[in-house]
């Protein structure tokens, strides 16, 4: 399966099953992807001079095997019969 940043994918297993989203980041070493507004986690940040701190929601990584590519170009091109 070819996964690139910015393509649409569908979640096929886990707590967010059935949802679709856009790939934001790919970690090829660990075979994980980060998808927009999927697998949201809470992160507690300490206050610093630049940052106010508090609880922040952000996307977590999900395993590459739990996503399915939604390629519209592939579904539009259907061949009927053989030449």
PDB file of N, CA and C in Angstrom:
ATOM      1  N   UNK A   1       0.853  -1.181   0.000  1.00  0.00           N
ATOM      2  CA  UNK A   1       0.000   0.000   0.000  1.00  0.00           C
ATOM      3  C   UNK A   1       0.894   1.238   0.000  1.00  0.00           C
ATOM      4  N   UNK A   2       0.588   2.178  -0.867  1.00  0.00           N
ATOM      5  CA  UNK A   2       1.373   3.398  -0.969  1.00  0.00           C
ATOM      6  C   UNK A   2       0.716   4.467  -0.112  1.00  0.00           C
ATOM      7  N   UNK A   3       1.433   4.942   0.890  1.00  0.00           N
ATOM      8  CA  UNK A   3       0.941   6.007   1.758  1.00  0.00           C
ATOM      9  C   UNK A   3       1.839   7.226   1.597  1.00  0.00           C
ATOM     10  N   UNK A   4       1.212   8.368   1.375  1.00  0.00           N
ATOM     11  CA  UNK A   4       1.936   9.618   1.257  1.00  0.00           C
ATOM     12  C   UNK A   4       1.247  10.662   2.123  1.00  0.00           C
ATOM     13  N   UNK A   5       1.980  11.693   2.464  1.00  0.00           N
ATOM     14  CA  UNK A   5       1.438  12.788   3.244  1.00  0.00           C
ATOM     15  C   UNK A   5       0.379  13.521   2.410  1.00  0.00           C
ATOM     16  N   UNK A   6      -0.800  13.715   3.001  1.00  0.00           N
ATOM     17  CA  UNK A   6      -1.853  14.472   2.337  1.00  0.00           C
ATOM     18  C   UNK A   6      -2.933  13.636   1.680  1.00  0.00           C
ATOM     19  N   UNK A   7      -2.793  12.312   1.597  1.00  0.00           N
ATOM     20  CA  UNK A   7      -3.827  11.508   0.965  1.00  0.00           C
ATOM     21  C   UNK A   7      -4.904  11.111   1.978  1.00  0.00           C
ATOM     22  N   UNK A   8      -6.094  10.786   1.488  1.00  0.00           N
ATOM     23  CA  UNK A   8      -7.223  10.402   2.332  1.00  0.00           C
ATOM     24  C   UNK A   8      -7.151   8.913   2.653  1.00  0.00           C
ATOM     25  N   UNK A   9      -7.360   8.564   3.920  1.00  0.00           N
ATOM     26  CA  UNK A   9      -7.377   7.166   4.340  1.00  0.00           C
ATOM     27  C   UNK A   9      -8.597   6.920   5.213  1.00  0.00           C
ATOM     28  N   UNK A  10      -8.981   5.646   5.333  1.00  0.00           N
ATOM     29  CA  UNK A  10     -10.094   5.234   6.180  1.00  0.00           C
ATOM     30  C   UNK A  10      -9.557   4.292   7.245  1.00  0.00           C
ATOM     31  N   UNK A  11     -10.024   4.446   8.491  1.00  0.00           N
ATOM     32  CA  UNK A  11      -9.594   3.595   9.598  1.00  0.00           C
ATOM     33  C   UNK A  11     -10.417   2.311   9.541  1.00  0.00           C
ATOM     34  N   UNK A  12      -9.733   1.158   9.559  1.00  0.00           N
ATOM     35  CA  UNK A  12     -10.449  -0.112   9.447  1.00  0.00           C
ATOM     36  C   UNK A  12     -10.513  -0.881  10.761  1.00  0.00           C
ATOM     37  N   UNK A  13      -9.765  -0.443  11.790  1.00  0.00           N
ATOM     38  CA  UNK A  13      -9.861  -1.109  13.092  1.00  0.00           C
ATOM     39  C   UNK A  13      -9.455  -0.138  14.191  1.00  0.00           C
ATOM     40  N   UNK A  14      -9.903  -0.433  15.408  1.00  0.00           N
ATOM     41  CA  UNK A  14      -9.592   0.409  16.555  1.00  0.00           C
ATOM     42  C   UNK A  14     -10.782   1.224  16.988  1.00  0.00           C
ATOM     43  N   UNK A  15     -10.558   2.150  17.915  1.00  0.00           N
ATOM     44  CA  UNK A  15     -11.661   2.937  18.469  1.00  0.00           C
ATOM     45  C   UNK A  15     -12.251   3.938  17.478  1.00  0.00           C
ATOM     46  N   UNK A  16     -11.485   4.322  16.450  1.00  0.00           N
ATOM     47  CA  UNK A  16     -11.950   5.274  15.445  1.00  0.00           C
ATOM     48  C   UNK A  16     -12.341   4.590  14.139  1.00  0.00           C
ATOM     49  N   UNK A  17     -12.771   3.319  14.196  1.00  0.00           N
ATOM     50  CA  UNK A  17     -13.114   2.541  13.011  1.00  0.00           C
ATOM     51  C   UNK A  17     -14.215   3.223  12.206  1.00  0.00           C
ATOM     52  N   UNK A  18     -14.012   3.288  10.883  1.00  0.00           N
ATOM     53  CA  UNK A  18     -15.006   3.879   9.996  1.00  0.00           C
ATOM     54  C   UNK A  18     -14.775   5.339   9.687  1.00  0.00           C
ATOM     55  N   UNK A  19     -13.944   6.021  10.445  1.00  0.00           N
ATOM     56  CA  UNK A  19     -13.671   7.436  10.207  1.00  0.00           C
ATOM     57  C   UNK A  19     -12.646   7.599   9.086  1.00  0.00           C
ATOM     58  N   UNK A  20     -12.702   8.753   8.427  1.00  0.00           N
ATOM     59  CA  UNK A  20     -11.733   9.055   7.383  1.00  0.00           C
ATOM     60  C   UNK A  20     -10.990  10.328   7.736  1.00  0.00           C
ATOM     61  N   UNK A  21      -9.782  10.459   7.206  1.00  0.00           N
ATOM     62  CA  UNK A  21      -8.988  11.648   7.472  1.00  0.00           C
ATOM     63  C   UNK A  21      -7.787  11.718   6.555  1.00  0.00           C
ATOM     64  N   UNK A  22      -7.039  12.807   6.707  1.00  0.00           N
ATOM     65  CA  UNK A  22      -5.878  13.083   5.869  1.00  0.00           C
ATOM     66  C   UNK A  22      -4.607  12.788   6.656  1.00  0.00           C
ATOM     67  N   UNK A  23      -3.629  12.180   6.005  1.00  0.00           N
ATOM     68  CA  UNK A  23      -2.357  11.850   6.659  1.00  0.00           C
ATOM     69  C   UNK A  23      -1.555  13.122   6.881  1.00  0.00           C
ATOM     70  N   UNK A  24      -1.141  13.347   8.131  1.00  0.00           N
ATOM     71  CA  UNK A  24      -0.324  14.499   8.478  1.00  0.00           C
ATOM     72  C   UNK A  24       1.159  14.158   8.541  1.00  0.00           C
ATOM     73  N   UNK A  25       1.476  12.974   9.041  1.00  0.00           N
ATOM     74  CA  UNK A  25       2.872  12.603   9.273  1.00  0.00           C
ATOM     75  C   UNK A  25       3.007  11.091   9.153  1.00  0.00           C
ATOM     76  N   UNK A  26       4.169  10.628   8.657  1.00  0.00           N
ATOM     77  CA  UNK A  26       4.435   9.203   8.514  1.00  0.00           C
ATOM     78  C   UNK A  26       5.764   8.883   9.183  1.00  0.00           C
ATOM     79  N   UNK A  27       5.769   7.832  10.021  1.00  0.00           N
ATOM     80  CA  UNK A  27       6.999   7.330  10.628  1.00  0.00           C
ATOM     81  C   UNK A  27       7.270   5.964  10.007  1.00  0.00           C
ATOM     82  N   UNK A  28       8.118   5.920   8.997  1.00  0.00           N
ATOM     83  CA  UNK A  28       8.373   4.684   8.248  1.00  0.00           C
ATOM     84  C   UNK A  28       9.175   3.673   9.063  1.00  0.00           C
ATOM     85  N   UNK A  29       9.974   4.138  10.009  1.00  0.00           N
ATOM     86  CA  UNK A  29      10.781   3.237  10.829  1.00  0.00           C
ATOM     87  C   UNK A  29       9.901   2.382  11.731  1.00  0.00           C
ATOM     88  N   UNK A  30       8.854   2.987  12.318  1.00  0.00           N
ATOM     89  CA  UNK A  30       7.949   2.274  13.221  1.00  0.00           C
ATOM     90  C   UNK A  30       6.658   1.825  12.531  1.00  0.00           C
ATOM     91  N   UNK A  31       6.504   2.127  11.222  1.00  0.00           N
ATOM     92  CA  UNK A  31       5.295   1.799  10.455  1.00  0.00           C
ATOM     93  C   UNK A  31       4.041   2.393  11.087  1.00  0.00           C
ATOM     94  N   UNK A  32       4.093   3.689  11.399  1.00  0.00           N
ATOM     95  CA  UNK A  32       2.956   4.369  11.999  1.00  0.00           C
ATOM     96  C   UNK A  32       2.645   5.643  11.226  1.00  0.00           C
ATOM     97  N   UNK A  33       1.379   6.062  11.270  1.00  0.00           N
ATOM     98  CA  UNK A  33       0.942   7.289  10.608  1.00  0.00           C
ATOM     99  C   UNK A  33       0.140   8.141  11.585  1.00  0.00           C
ATOM    100  N   UNK A  34       0.159   9.445  11.354  1.00  0.00           N
ATOM    101  CA  UNK A  34      -0.627  10.386  12.144  1.00  0.00           C
ATOM    102  C   UNK A  34      -1.675  10.981  11.219  1.00  0.00           C
ATOM    103  N   UNK A  35      -2.954  10.872  11.611  1.00  0.00           N
ATOM    104  CA  UNK A  35      -4.068  11.283  10.767  1.00  0.00           C
ATOM    105  C   UNK A  35      -4.823  12.419  11.438  1.00  0.00           C
ATOM    106  N   UNK A  36      -5.257  13.384  10.632  1.00  0.00           N
ATOM    107  CA  UNK A  36      -5.931  14.579  11.140  1.00  0.00           C
ATOM    108  C   UNK A  36      -7.203  14.220  11.908  1.00  0.00           C
ATOM    109  N   UNK A  37      -7.296  14.658  13.146  1.00  0.00           N
ATOM    110  CA  UNK A  37      -8.422  14.482  14.079  1.00  0.00           C
ATOM    111  C   UNK A  37      -8.805  13.023  14.315  1.00  0.00           C
ATOM    112  N   UNK A  38      -7.821  12.108  14.269  1.00  0.00           N
ATOM    113  CA  UNK A  38      -8.025  10.691  14.580  1.00  0.00           C
ATOM    114  C   UNK A  38      -7.057  10.319  15.697  1.00  0.00           C
ATOM    115  N   UNK A  39      -7.512   9.479  16.639  1.00  0.00           N
ATOM    116  CA  UNK A  39      -6.702   9.029  17.771  1.00  0.00           C
ATOM    117  C   UNK A  39      -6.206  10.216  18.600  1.00  0.00           C
ATOM    118  N   UNK A  40      -7.146  11.070  18.993  1.00  0.00           N
ATOM    119  CA  UNK A  40      -6.802  12.257  19.781  1.00  0.00           C
ATOM    120  C   UNK A  40      -6.388  11.849  21.193  1.00  0.00           C
ATOM    121  N   UNK A  41      -5.268  12.433  21.663  1.00  0.00           N
ATOM    122  CA  UNK A  41      -4.757  12.159  22.999  1.00  0.00           C
ATOM    123  C   UNK A  41      -4.611  13.473  23.752  1.00  0.00           C
ATOM    124  N   UNK A  42      -4.613  13.397  25.077  1.00  0.00           N
ATOM    125  CA  UNK A  42      -4.426  14.570  25.927  1.00  0.00           C
ATOM    126  C   UNK A  42      -2.980  14.597  26.389  1.00  0.00           C
ATOM    127  N   UNK A  43      -2.333  15.740  26.251  1.00  0.00           N
ATOM    128  CA  UNK A  43      -0.942  15.901  26.670  1.00  0.00           C
ATOM    129  C   UNK A  43      -0.883  17.030  27.689  1.00  0.00           C
ATOM    130  N   UNK A  44      -0.264  16.759  28.818  1.00  0.00           N
ATOM    131  CA  UNK A  44      -0.107  17.753  29.872  1.00  0.00           C
ATOM    132  C   UNK A  44       1.219  18.470  29.682  1.00  0.00           C
ATOM    133  N   UNK A  45       1.166  19.807  29.552  1.00  0.00           N
ATOM    134  CA  UNK A  45       2.372  20.596  29.325  1.00  0.00           C
ATOM    135  C   UNK A  45       2.664  21.474  30.533  1.00  0.00           C
ATOM    136  N   UNK A  46       3.941  21.516  30.915  1.00  0.00           N
ATOM    137  CA  UNK A  46       4.358  22.399  31.991  1.00  0.00           C
ATOM    138  C   UNK A  46       4.431  23.837  31.479  1.00  0.00           C
ATOM    139  N   UNK A  47       4.070  24.804  32.312  1.00  0.00           N
ATOM    140  CA  UNK A  47       4.197  26.189  31.866  1.00  0.00           C
ATOM    141  C   UNK A  47       5.676  26.609  31.777  1.00  0.00           C
ATOM    142  N   UNK A  48       5.990  27.327  30.703  1.00  0.00           N
ATOM    143  CA  UNK A  48       7.328  27.887  30.521  1.00  0.00           C
ATOM    144  C   UNK A  48       7.178  29.363  30.169  1.00  0.00           C
ATOM    145  N   UNK A  49       8.287  30.023  29.881  1.00  0.00           N
ATOM    146  CA  UNK A  49       8.225  31.435  29.504  1.00  0.00           C
ATOM    147  C   UNK A  49       7.483  31.632  28.187  1.00  0.00           C
ATOM    148  N   UNK A  50       7.689  30.701  27.244  1.00  0.00           N
ATOM    149  CA  UNK A  50       7.047  30.824  25.935  1.00  0.00           C
ATOM    150  C   UNK A  50       5.656  30.200  25.905  1.00  0.00           C
ATOM    151  N   UNK A  51       5.422  29.173  26.733  1.00  0.00           N
ATOM    152  CA  UNK A  51       4.203  28.385  26.661  1.00  0.00           C
ATOM    153  C   UNK A  51       3.398  28.536  27.952  1.00  0.00           C
ATOM    154  N   UNK A  52       2.088  28.668  27.821  1.00  0.00           N
ATOM    155  CA  UNK A  52       1.225  28.824  28.997  1.00  0.00           C
ATOM    156  C   UNK A  52       1.108  27.524  29.785  1.00  0.00           C
ATOM    157  N   UNK A  53       1.103  26.386  29.083  1.00  0.00           N
ATOM    158  CA  UNK A  53       0.945  25.099  29.753  1.00  0.00           C
ATOM    159  C   UNK A  53      -0.505  24.672  29.791  1.00  0.00           C
ATOM    160  N   UNK A  54      -0.781  23.568  30.490  1.00  0.00           N
ATOM    161  CA  UNK A  54      -2.132  23.052  30.594  1.00  0.00           C
ATOM    162  C   UNK A  54      -2.299  21.757  29.826  1.00  0.00           C
ATOM    163  N   UNK A  55      -3.556  21.387  29.579  1.00  0.00           N
ATOM    164  CA  UNK A  55      -3.870  20.146  28.887  1.00  0.00           C
ATOM    165  C   UNK A  55      -4.170  20.468  27.420  1.00  0.00           C
ATOM    166  N   UNK A  56      -3.450  19.812  26.516  1.00  0.00           N
ATOM    167  CA  UNK A  56      -3.573  20.059  25.082  1.00  0.00           C
ATOM    168  C   UNK A  56      -3.995  18.761  24.397  1.00  0.00           C
ATOM    169  N   UNK A  57      -4.968  18.843  23.484  1.00  0.00           N
ATOM    170  CA  UNK A  57      -5.363  17.685  22.679  1.00  0.00           C
ATOM    171  C   UNK A  57      -4.577  17.697  21.381  1.00  0.00           C
ATOM    172  N   UNK A  58      -4.044  16.522  21.005  1.00  0.00           N
ATOM    173  CA  UNK A  58      -3.332  16.414  19.737  1.00  0.00           C
ATOM    174  C   UNK A  58      -3.478  14.999  19.198  1.00  0.00           C
ATOM    175  N   UNK A  59      -3.122  14.825  17.918  1.00  0.00           N
ATOM    176  CA  UNK A  59      -3.244  13.527  17.270  1.00  0.00           C
ATOM    177  C   UNK A  59      -2.119  12.606  17.715  1.00  0.00           C
ATOM    178  N   UNK A  60      -2.459  11.335  17.895  1.00  0.00           N
ATOM    179  CA  UNK A  60      -1.461  10.321  18.189  1.00  0.00           C
ATOM    180  C   UNK A  60      -1.234   9.455  16.966  1.00  0.00           C
ATOM    181  N   UNK A  61      -0.162   8.676  16.992  1.00  0.00           N
ATOM    182  CA  UNK A  61       0.145   7.793  15.876  1.00  0.00           C
ATOM    183  C   UNK A  61      -0.751   6.563  15.918  1.00  0.00           C
ATOM    184  N   UNK A  62      -1.068   6.028  14.739  1.00  0.00           N
ATOM    185  CA  UNK A  62      -1.850   4.814  14.595  1.00  0.00           C
ATOM    186  C   UNK A  62      -1.072   3.891  13.660  1.00  0.00           C
ATOM    187  N   UNK A  63      -1.199   2.588  13.864  1.00  0.00           N
ATOM    188  CA  UNK A  63      -0.426   1.647  13.066  1.00  0.00           C
ATOM    189  C   UNK A  63      -0.863   1.671  11.606  1.00  0.00           C
ATOM    190  N   UNK A  64       0.110   1.512  10.724  1.00  0.00           N
ATOM    191  CA  UNK A  64      -0.119   1.584   9.292  1.00  0.00           C
ATOM    192  C   UNK A  64      -1.052   0.485   8.802  1.00  0.00           C
ATOM    193  N   UNK A  65      -1.080  -0.658   9.491  1.00  0.00           N
ATOM    194  CA  UNK A  65      -1.929  -1.766   9.069  1.00  0.00           C
ATOM    195  C   UNK A  65      -3.401  -1.517   9.382  1.00  0.00           C
ATOM    196  N   UNK A  66      -3.713  -0.509  10.171  1.00  0.00           N
ATOM    197  CA  UNK A  66      -5.092  -0.210  10.550  1.00  0.00           C
ATOM    198  C   UNK A  66      -5.746   0.828   9.656  1.00  0.00           C
ATOM    199  N   UNK A  67      -5.077   1.235   8.574  1.00  0.00           N
ATOM    200  CA  UNK A  67      -5.651   2.226   7.663  1.00  0.00           C
ATOM    201  C   UNK A  67      -5.767   1.637   6.262  1.00  0.00           C
ATOM    202  N   UNK A  68      -6.726   2.194   5.500  1.00  0.00           N
ATOM    203  CA  UNK A  68      -6.981   1.756   4.130  1.00  0.00           C
ATOM    204  C   UNK A  68      -6.972   2.995   3.246  1.00  0.00           C
ATOM    205  N   UNK A  69      -6.278   2.902   2.112  1.00  0.00           N
ATOM    206  CA  UNK A  69      -6.160   4.020   1.191  1.00  0.00           C
ATOM    207  C   UNK A  69      -7.484   4.271   0.483  1.00  0.00           C
ATOM    208  N   UNK A  70      -7.936   5.542   0.445  1.00  0.00           N
ATOM    209  CA  UNK A  70      -9.146   5.912  -0.293  1.00  0.00           C
ATOM    210  C   UNK A  70      -8.720   6.720  -1.512  1.00  0.00           C
ATOM    211  N   UNK A  71      -8.350   6.041  -2.583  1.00  0.00           N
ATOM    212  CA  UNK A  71      -7.876   6.698  -3.791  1.00  0.00           C
ATOM    213  C   UNK A  71      -9.031   6.835  -4.770  1.00  0.00           C
ATOM    214  N   UNK A  72      -9.496   8.077  -5.017  1.00  0.00           N
ATOM    215  CA  UNK A  72     -10.637   8.289  -5.896  1.00  0.00           C
ATOM    216  C   UNK A  72     -10.294   7.977  -7.345  1.00  0.00           C
ATOM    217  N   UNK A  73      -9.065   8.208  -7.767  1.00  0.00           N
ATOM    218  CA  UNK A  73      -8.674   7.955  -9.155  1.00  0.00           C
ATOM    219  C   UNK A  73      -8.790   6.470  -9.485  1.00  0.00           C
ATOM    220  N   UNK A  74      -8.434   5.628  -8.546  1.00  0.00           N
ATOM    221  CA  UNK A  74      -8.473   4.188  -8.761  1.00  0.00           C
ATOM    222  C   UNK A  74      -9.920   3.693  -8.891  1.00  0.00           C
ATOM    223  N   UNK A  75     -10.827   4.236  -8.088  1.00  0.00           N
ATOM    224  CA  UNK A  75     -12.209   3.774  -8.117  1.00  0.00           C
ATOM    225  C   UNK A  75     -12.952   4.271  -9.357  1.00  0.00           C
ATOM    226  N   UNK A  76     -12.531   5.412  -9.945  1.00  0.00           N
ATOM    227  CA  UNK A  76     -13.185   5.935 -11.132  1.00  0.00           C
ATOM    228  C   UNK A  76     -12.821   5.117 -12.368  1.00  0.00           C
ATOM    229  N   UNK A  77     -11.591   4.644 -12.456  1.00  0.00           N
ATOM    230  CA  UNK A  77     -11.136   3.895 -13.620  1.00  0.00           C
ATOM    231  C   UNK A  77     -11.476   2.420 -13.448  1.00  0.00           C
ATOM    232  N   UNK A  78     -12.589   2.014 -14.027  1.00  0.00           N
ATOM    233  CA  UNK A  78     -13.009   0.617 -13.980  1.00  0.00           C
ATOM    234  C   UNK A  78     -13.013   0.080 -15.408  1.00  0.00           C
ATOM    235  N   UNK A  79     -12.335  -1.026 -15.634  1.00  0.00           N
ATOM    236  CA  UNK A  79     -12.344  -1.614 -16.966  1.00  0.00           C
ATOM    237  C   UNK A  79     -13.417  -2.703 -17.025  1.00  0.00           C
ATOM    238  N   UNK A  80     -14.094  -2.745 -18.142  1.00  0.00           N
ATOM    239  CA  UNK A  80     -15.137  -3.739 -18.336  1.00  0.00           C
ATOM    240  C   UNK A  80     -14.701  -4.669 -19.464  1.00  0.00           C
ATOM    241  N   UNK A  81     -14.418  -5.910 -19.133  1.00  0.00           N
ATOM    242  CA  UNK A  81     -13.994  -6.877 -20.129  1.00  0.00           C
ATOM    243  C   UNK A  81     -12.542  -6.701 -20.520  1.00  0.00           C
ATOM    244  N   UNK A  82     -12.111  -7.517 -21.467  1.00  0.00           N
ATOM    245  CA  UNK A  82     -10.748  -7.476 -21.959  1.00  0.00           C
ATOM    246  C   UNK A  82     -10.744  -7.131 -23.432  1.00  0.00           C
ATOM    247  N   UNK A  83      -9.651  -6.557 -23.881  1.00  0.00           N
ATOM    248  CA  UNK A  83      -9.523  -6.221 -25.305  1.00  0.00           C
ATOM    249  C   UNK A  83      -8.959  -7.403 -26.057  1.00  0.00           C
TER     250      UNK A  83
END
